[in-house]
Amino acid sequence: MAFIETIPEEEAEGRVAEAYEVDREGWGFVPNFSKVLALRPEVYEAWGQLNAALKEVMDRRRYELATVAAAQRLRSTYCTMAHSRVLRDLFYDVQTVREIVSDRRAAGLDKVDLAVMDFAEQVAADASEITAEDIDGLRRLGLSDVEILDVALAAAARCFLAKVLDAMGALPDVQFRDLLEPELRETLTVGRPIAES
């Protein structure tokens, strides 16, 4: 599950137990990422607040597309699976989600969606290489400066979580074997494999 020792559900107390319960209600189980982050409840709570704030100000579909692009670039199977599942559940069919991850230009996305994903990927890959021309290109497609900032925030936030989880060896939960179709799971496995148990 992870390279570090986490707190078993039956031993959780206080803020850790509370965090586990919130995630159990939302996911139906306590995810591996929760067990890692709950070792520092104050950080986990701050992450939750940041994540909620981003979702509140961004169009949800755009947030998920940007997040998937960043997660994929970071080779985070965990985040790619979790957010592709949201795309599948709320916005697209299975085949479209597979195409978004395997070849986004063949997925039927419009120019704005593609530009958002490309920019999020750039942020995750090497933000120091982004130029004023890159920002101007997004403006020409109709994005406001605040909307461009939102995409950068979503991608940078994904860098934080994906890198922490991979550094700690947190594997995507075994439940993803049931939550995602086999062909989708295969496409979304961009880094570490799903946990065996």
Protein backbone atom coordinates (compact mmCIF):
# COMPACT_ATOMS: atom_id res chain seq x y z
CA MET A 1 0.00 0.00 0.00
CA ALA A 2 2.80 2.46 0.89
CA PHE A 3 6.47 2.61 1.78
CA ILE A 4 5.64 4.23 5.12
CA GLU A 5 3.63 2.91 8.03
CA THR A 6 0.10 4.32 8.14
CA ILE A 7 -2.53 4.14 10.85
CA PRO A 8 -4.89 1.16 10.48
CA GLU A 9 -8.56 2.11 10.38
CA GLU A 10 -9.31 0.24 13.61
CA GLU A 11 -6.57 2.20 15.43
CA ALA A 12 -7.44 5.66 14.14
CA GLU A 13 -8.35 8.29 16.71
CA GLY A 14 -9.20 11.98 16.79
CA ARG A 15 -8.55 13.92 13.58
CA VAL A 16 -7.24 10.84 11.80
CA ALA A 17 -10.44 8.92 12.55
CA GLU A 18 -12.46 11.92 11.39
CA ALA A 19 -10.53 12.11 8.11
CA TYR A 20 -11.02 8.40 7.54
CA GLU A 21 -14.75 8.70 8.16
CA VAL A 22 -15.16 11.60 5.73
CA ASP A 23 -13.34 9.66 3.03
CA ARG A 24 -15.23 6.46 3.79
CA GLU A 25 -18.50 8.35 3.28
CA GLY A 26 -17.29 9.87 0.01
CA TRP A 27 -15.48 6.89 -1.48
CA GLY A 28 -17.18 3.92 0.19
CA PHE A 29 -13.78 2.93 1.66
CA VAL A 30 -10.73 4.64 3.13
CA PRO A 31 -8.40 5.31 0.17
CA ASN A 32 -4.66 4.75 0.36
CA PHE A 33 -4.01 8.46 -0.24
CA SER A 34 -6.09 9.26 2.84
CA LYS A 35 -4.02 6.90 4.98
CA VAL A 36 -0.81 8.61 3.88
CA LEU A 37 -1.98 12.22 4.24
CA ALA A 38 -3.82 11.56 7.52
CA LEU A 39 -0.44 11.12 9.21
CA ARG A 40 -0.37 14.93 9.06
CA PRO A 41 -4.03 15.86 9.61
CA GLU A 42 -3.37 19.60 9.45
CA VAL A 43 -1.78 19.21 6.00
CA TYR A 44 -4.58 16.91 4.84
CA GLU A 45 -7.19 19.44 5.96
CA ALA A 46 -5.33 22.25 4.17
CA TRP A 47 -5.14 20.12 1.01
CA GLY A 48 -8.89 19.50 1.23
CA GLN A 49 -9.55 23.22 1.56
CA LEU A 50 -7.32 24.05 -1.41
CA ASN A 51 -8.92 21.37 -3.54
CA ALA A 52 -12.43 22.52 -2.61
CA ALA A 53 -11.56 26.16 -3.34
CA LEU A 54 -10.26 25.26 -6.80
CA LYS A 55 -13.37 23.24 -7.65
CA GLU A 56 -15.58 26.04 -6.41
CA VAL A 57 -14.12 28.68 -8.73
CA MET A 58 -13.47 26.53 -11.82
CA ASP A 59 -15.79 24.93 -14.29
CA ARG A 60 -15.80 21.32 -13.06
CA ARG A 61 -15.14 19.73 -16.44
CA ARG A 62 -12.22 22.09 -17.09
CA TYR A 63 -10.82 21.33 -13.65
CA GLU A 64 -10.94 17.59 -14.33
CA LEU A 65 -9.41 17.90 -17.81
CA ALA A 66 -6.55 20.04 -16.47
CA THR A 67 -6.03 17.68 -13.55
CA VAL A 68 -5.93 14.59 -15.76
CA ALA A 69 -3.44 16.23 -18.11
CA ALA A 70 -1.14 17.18 -15.22
CA ALA A 71 -1.51 13.79 -13.54
CA GLN A 72 -0.76 11.95 -16.74
CA ARG A 73 2.36 14.06 -17.35
CA LEU A 74 3.48 13.29 -13.79
CA ARG A 75 2.88 9.57 -14.45
CA SER A 76 0.52 9.44 -11.48
CA THR A 77 -1.71 6.45 -12.04
CA TYR A 78 -3.56 7.23 -8.82
CA CYS A 79 -4.58 10.76 -9.82
CA THR A 80 -5.12 9.87 -13.47
CA MET A 81 -7.53 7.09 -12.47
CA ALA A 82 -9.38 9.10 -9.83
CA HIS A 83 -10.00 12.09 -12.08
CA SER A 84 -10.65 10.13 -15.25
CA ARG A 85 -13.33 8.32 -13.28
CA VAL A 86 -14.96 11.70 -12.60
CA LEU A 87 -14.78 12.55 -16.31
CA ARG A 88 -16.45 9.21 -17.08
CA ASP A 89 -19.12 9.56 -14.41
CA LEU A 90 -20.05 13.17 -15.12
CA PHE A 91 -19.10 14.12 -18.67
CA TYR A 92 -18.01 11.42 -21.12
CA ASP A 93 -18.39 7.80 -22.10
CA VAL A 94 -15.63 5.25 -21.48
CA GLN A 95 -14.22 5.40 -25.01
CA THR A 96 -13.94 9.18 -24.96
CA VAL A 97 -12.11 9.11 -21.63
CA ARG A 98 -9.70 6.52 -23.04
CA GLU A 99 -9.07 8.79 -26.01
CA ILE A 100 -8.59 11.85 -23.81
CA VAL A 101 -5.76 10.03 -22.05
CA SER A 102 -4.26 8.13 -24.98
CA ASP A 103 -4.57 10.83 -27.68
CA ARG A 104 -6.53 13.89 -26.63
CA ARG A 105 -6.53 15.32 -30.16
CA ALA A 106 -8.58 12.33 -31.33
CA ALA A 107 -11.12 12.65 -28.52
CA GLY A 108 -13.35 15.30 -30.08
CA LEU A 109 -12.36 18.03 -27.63
CA ASP A 110 -12.58 21.62 -28.79
CA LYS A 111 -9.63 24.00 -29.16
CA VAL A 112 -10.12 25.50 -25.70
CA ASP A 113 -10.18 22.10 -23.98
CA LEU A 114 -7.06 21.00 -25.82
CA ALA A 115 -5.26 24.24 -25.01
CA VAL A 116 -6.21 23.93 -21.33
CA MET A 117 -4.89 20.38 -21.19
CA ASP A 118 -1.70 21.31 -23.03
CA PHE A 119 -1.10 24.21 -20.65
CA ALA A 120 -1.76 22.07 -17.56
CA GLU A 121 0.70 19.54 -18.92
CA GLN A 122 3.28 22.31 -19.46
CA VAL A 123 2.84 23.46 -15.86
CA ALA A 124 3.40 19.91 -14.59
CA ALA A 125 6.34 19.24 -16.90
CA ASP A 126 8.35 22.45 -16.53
CA ALA A 127 6.58 25.68 -15.67
CA SER A 128 9.83 27.63 -16.15
CA GLU A 129 9.51 27.01 -19.89
CA ILE A 130 6.11 28.75 -20.13
CA THR A 131 6.31 32.03 -22.04
CA ALA A 132 4.16 35.14 -22.40
CA GLU A 133 3.26 33.81 -25.86
CA ASP A 134 1.79 30.68 -24.26
CA ILE A 135 -0.44 32.86 -22.09
CA ASP A 136 -1.38 35.05 -25.06
CA GLY A 137 -2.44 31.93 -26.96
CA LEU A 138 -4.87 31.04 -24.19
CA ARG A 139 -6.19 34.61 -24.15
CA ARG A 140 -6.81 34.46 -27.91
CA LEU A 141 -8.99 31.41 -27.28
CA GLY A 142 -11.13 33.47 -24.91
CA LEU A 143 -9.69 32.56 -21.51
CA SER A 144 -9.43 35.41 -19.03
CA ASP A 145 -6.29 35.88 -16.97
CA VAL A 146 -8.12 34.53 -13.92
CA GLU A 147 -9.19 31.43 -15.84
CA ILE A 148 -5.60 30.88 -16.97
CA LEU A 149 -4.45 31.22 -13.36
CA ASP A 150 -7.09 28.65 -12.34
CA VAL A 151 -5.65 26.09 -14.76
CA ALA A 152 -2.14 26.72 -13.43
CA LEU A 153 -3.42 26.37 -9.86
CA ALA A 154 -5.16 23.08 -10.63
CA ALA A 155 -2.08 21.66 -12.35
CA ALA A 156 0.30 22.84 -9.63
CA ALA A 157 -1.95 21.44 -6.91
CA ARG A 158 -1.90 18.10 -8.71
CA CYS A 159 1.90 18.20 -8.70
CA PHE A 160 1.85 18.47 -4.91
CA LEU A 161 -0.45 15.51 -4.32
CA ALA A 162 0.86 13.24 -7.08
CA LYS A 163 4.47 13.68 -6.03
CA VAL A 164 3.72 13.10 -2.35
CA LEU A 165 1.76 9.93 -3.08
CA ASP A 166 4.34 8.50 -5.46
CA ALA A 167 7.20 9.42 -3.12
CA MET A 168 5.46 7.54 -0.31
CA GLY A 169 4.64 4.57 -2.55
CA ALA A 170 0.87 4.98 -2.20
CA LEU A 171 -0.65 2.67 -4.82
CA PRO A 172 -4.01 3.26 -6.48
CA ASP A 173 -6.62 1.45 -4.42
CA VAL A 174 -7.51 -2.14 -5.27
CA GLN A 175 -11.13 -0.94 -5.56
CA PHE A 176 -10.24 0.70 -8.87
CA ARG A 177 -10.30 -2.82 -10.33
CA ASP A 178 -14.07 -2.74 -9.85
CA LEU A 179 -14.61 1.01 -10.29
CA LEU A 180 -13.07 1.15 -13.78
CA GLU A 181 -13.63 -0.96 -16.87
CA PRO A 182 -10.62 -3.21 -17.72
CA GLU A 183 -9.77 -1.38 -20.94
CA LEU A 184 -10.00 1.97 -19.16
CA ARG A 185 -7.81 0.77 -16.28
CA GLU A 186 -5.14 -0.29 -18.73
CA THR A 187 -5.11 3.10 -20.47
CA LEU A 188 -5.04 4.97 -17.17
CA THR A 189 -2.12 3.02 -15.72
CA VAL A 190 0.52 5.61 -16.53
CA GLY A 191 2.87 4.92 -13.61
CA ARG A 192 2.56 2.73 -10.53
CA PRO A 193 0.18 -0.25 -10.78
CA ILE A 194 -3.04 -0.72 -8.84
CA ALA A 195 -2.61 -2.30 -5.42
CA GLU A 196 -3.11 -6.06 -5.26
CA SER A 197 -5.06 -5.96 -2.01
